[in-house]
Amino acid sequence: VQLVESGGGLVQPGGSLRLSCAAPVVTFAGYCMKWFRQVPGKEREGVATIDVYEDTTYAESVKGRFTVSRDNAKGILYLQMNALKPEDTAMYYCAAARNNYCSRSDYWGQGTQVTVSA
């Protein structure tokens, strides 16, 4: 299963970005979908999760600033990022878990870079 992220870029502190992750439409609705991020030399961090019932969870560091959503008809996962901080700078990856097993990550995208800097 191919996942393709887009929407990353350079943004000033306090700005916003919306990331997208495209997945095959025919199977998307059955996946638990997740966003991760990673900075070189640091462990990968879970950012947000949305399951097939559209229940969401967030890392404490992004609560109130980031919103995860999904469009099953289009097979697209979104991450709306507001009030961005320099510490949000990272490579962002989406992941999918079959059968709504959110504890797993069966498929990964290639990542999209987000840089928050003045």
Protein backbone atom coordinates (compact mmCIF):
# COMPACT_ATOMS: atom_id res chain seq x y z
CA VAL A 1 0.00 0.00 0.00
CA GLN A 2 1.46 3.33 -1.06
CA LEU A 3 1.03 6.37 1.16
CA VAL A 4 2.04 9.75 -0.24
CA GLU A 5 2.46 12.79 1.99
CA SER A 6 2.40 16.37 0.79
CA GLY A 7 2.02 19.88 2.13
CA GLY A 8 5.26 20.36 4.01
CA GLY A 9 7.40 23.45 3.67
CA LEU A 10 8.95 26.43 5.39
CA VAL A 11 6.72 28.52 7.64
CA GLN A 12 7.32 31.25 10.19
CA PRO A 13 6.61 30.68 13.87
CA GLY A 14 2.94 31.14 14.55
CA GLY A 15 2.02 30.12 11.04
CA SER A 16 -0.03 27.23 9.73
CA LEU A 17 0.38 24.30 7.38
CA ARG A 18 -1.89 21.48 6.31
CA LEU A 19 -0.33 18.13 5.55
CA SER A 20 -2.06 15.52 3.41
CA CYS A 21 -1.52 11.80 3.06
CA ALA A 22 -3.08 10.02 0.10
CA ALA A 23 -3.90 6.32 0.35
CA PRO A 24 -5.81 3.84 -1.80
CA VAL A 25 -9.49 4.73 -1.57
CA VAL A 26 -10.78 1.17 -1.66
CA THR A 27 -9.10 0.22 1.63
CA PHE A 28 -8.64 3.57 3.37
CA ALA A 29 -11.80 3.45 5.47
CA GLY A 30 -10.59 0.33 7.27
CA TYR A 31 -7.27 1.76 8.37
CA CYS A 32 -6.32 3.42 11.59
CA MET A 33 -4.29 6.39 10.37
CA LYS A 34 -1.48 8.12 12.19
CA TRP A 35 0.97 10.97 11.89
CA PHE A 36 4.52 10.71 13.22
CA ARG A 37 7.45 13.07 13.11
CA GLN A 38 11.18 12.64 13.47
CA VAL A 39 14.15 14.91 13.86
CA PRO A 40 17.58 13.54 12.91
CA GLY A 41 19.23 11.97 15.93
CA LYS A 42 16.00 11.72 17.90
CA GLU A 43 13.37 9.04 18.29
CA ARG A 44 10.28 9.09 16.12
CA GLU A 45 7.35 10.72 17.91
CA GLY A 46 3.69 9.92 17.48
CA VAL A 47 1.79 13.13 16.73
CA ALA A 48 -1.84 12.20 16.11
CA THR A 49 -4.06 9.21 15.49
CA ILE A 50 -7.52 8.88 13.98
CA ASP A 51 -9.25 5.53 13.94
CA VAL A 52 -12.05 4.24 11.71
CA TYR A 53 -14.65 5.77 14.04
CA GLU A 54 -12.84 9.09 13.76
CA ASP A 55 -11.79 9.02 17.39
CA THR A 56 -8.60 11.04 17.71
CA THR A 57 -5.63 11.21 20.03
CA TYR A 58 -2.78 13.71 20.13
CA ALA A 59 0.64 14.08 21.61
CA GLU A 60 0.61 16.52 24.50
CA SER A 61 3.02 18.77 22.65
CA VAL A 62 0.51 19.43 19.84
CA LYS A 63 -2.85 19.36 21.64
CA GLY A 64 -4.91 22.42 20.88
CA ARG A 65 -2.73 23.35 17.90
CA PHE A 66 -2.96 20.35 15.53
CA THR A 67 -6.08 18.68 14.18
CA VAL A 68 -6.14 15.31 12.43
CA SER A 69 -8.98 14.42 10.08
CA ARG A 70 -9.76 12.02 7.28
CA ASP A 71 -11.81 11.95 4.10
CA ASN A 72 -12.70 8.33 3.41
CA ALA A 73 -14.34 9.14 0.08
CA LYS A 74 -11.07 10.58 -1.20
CA GLY A 75 -8.68 8.36 0.73
CA ILE A 76 -6.89 11.32 2.29
CA LEU A 77 -5.60 11.90 5.79
CA TYR A 78 -4.99 15.49 6.92
CA LEU A 79 -3.04 17.20 9.64
CA GLN A 80 -3.91 20.85 10.17
CA MET A 81 -1.09 22.48 12.06
CA ASN A 82 -1.64 25.91 13.60
CA ALA A 83 0.45 28.11 15.89
CA LEU A 84 3.57 26.34 14.69
CA LYS A 85 6.70 26.50 16.80
CA PRO A 86 10.34 25.97 15.86
CA GLU A 87 10.26 22.73 17.84
CA ASP A 88 7.66 21.39 15.40
CA THR A 89 10.39 21.26 12.76
CA ALA A 90 10.72 17.64 11.65
CA MET A 91 10.06 15.15 8.90
CA TYR A 92 6.42 14.20 9.13
CA TYR A 93 5.25 10.72 8.16
CA CYS A 94 1.84 9.17 7.85
CA ALA A 95 1.21 5.53 8.67
CA ALA A 96 -1.70 3.14 8.25
CA ALA A 97 -2.72 0.13 10.32
CA ARG A 98 -4.96 -2.58 8.86
CA ASN A 99 -8.17 -3.60 10.61
CA ASN A 100 -8.08 -0.51 12.82
CA TYR A 101 -5.24 -1.99 14.89
CA CYS A 102 -3.93 1.40 15.97
CA SER A 103 -1.08 -0.14 17.98
CA ARG A 104 0.51 -1.18 14.68
CA SER A 105 1.84 0.67 11.69
CA ASP A 106 1.71 -1.58 8.64
CA TYR A 107 2.37 0.97 5.92
CA TRP A 108 4.40 4.17 5.80
CA GLY A 109 4.76 7.15 3.56
CA GLN A 110 8.04 8.68 2.47
CA GLY A 111 7.66 11.79 4.62
CA THR A 112 7.31 15.51 4.09
CA GLN A 113 9.60 18.08 5.68
CA VAL A 114 8.18 20.82 7.90
CA THR A 115 10.52 23.64 8.89
CA VAL A 116 9.39 26.36 11.27
CA SER A 117 11.82 29.26 11.25
CA ALA A 118 11.89 33.02 11.08
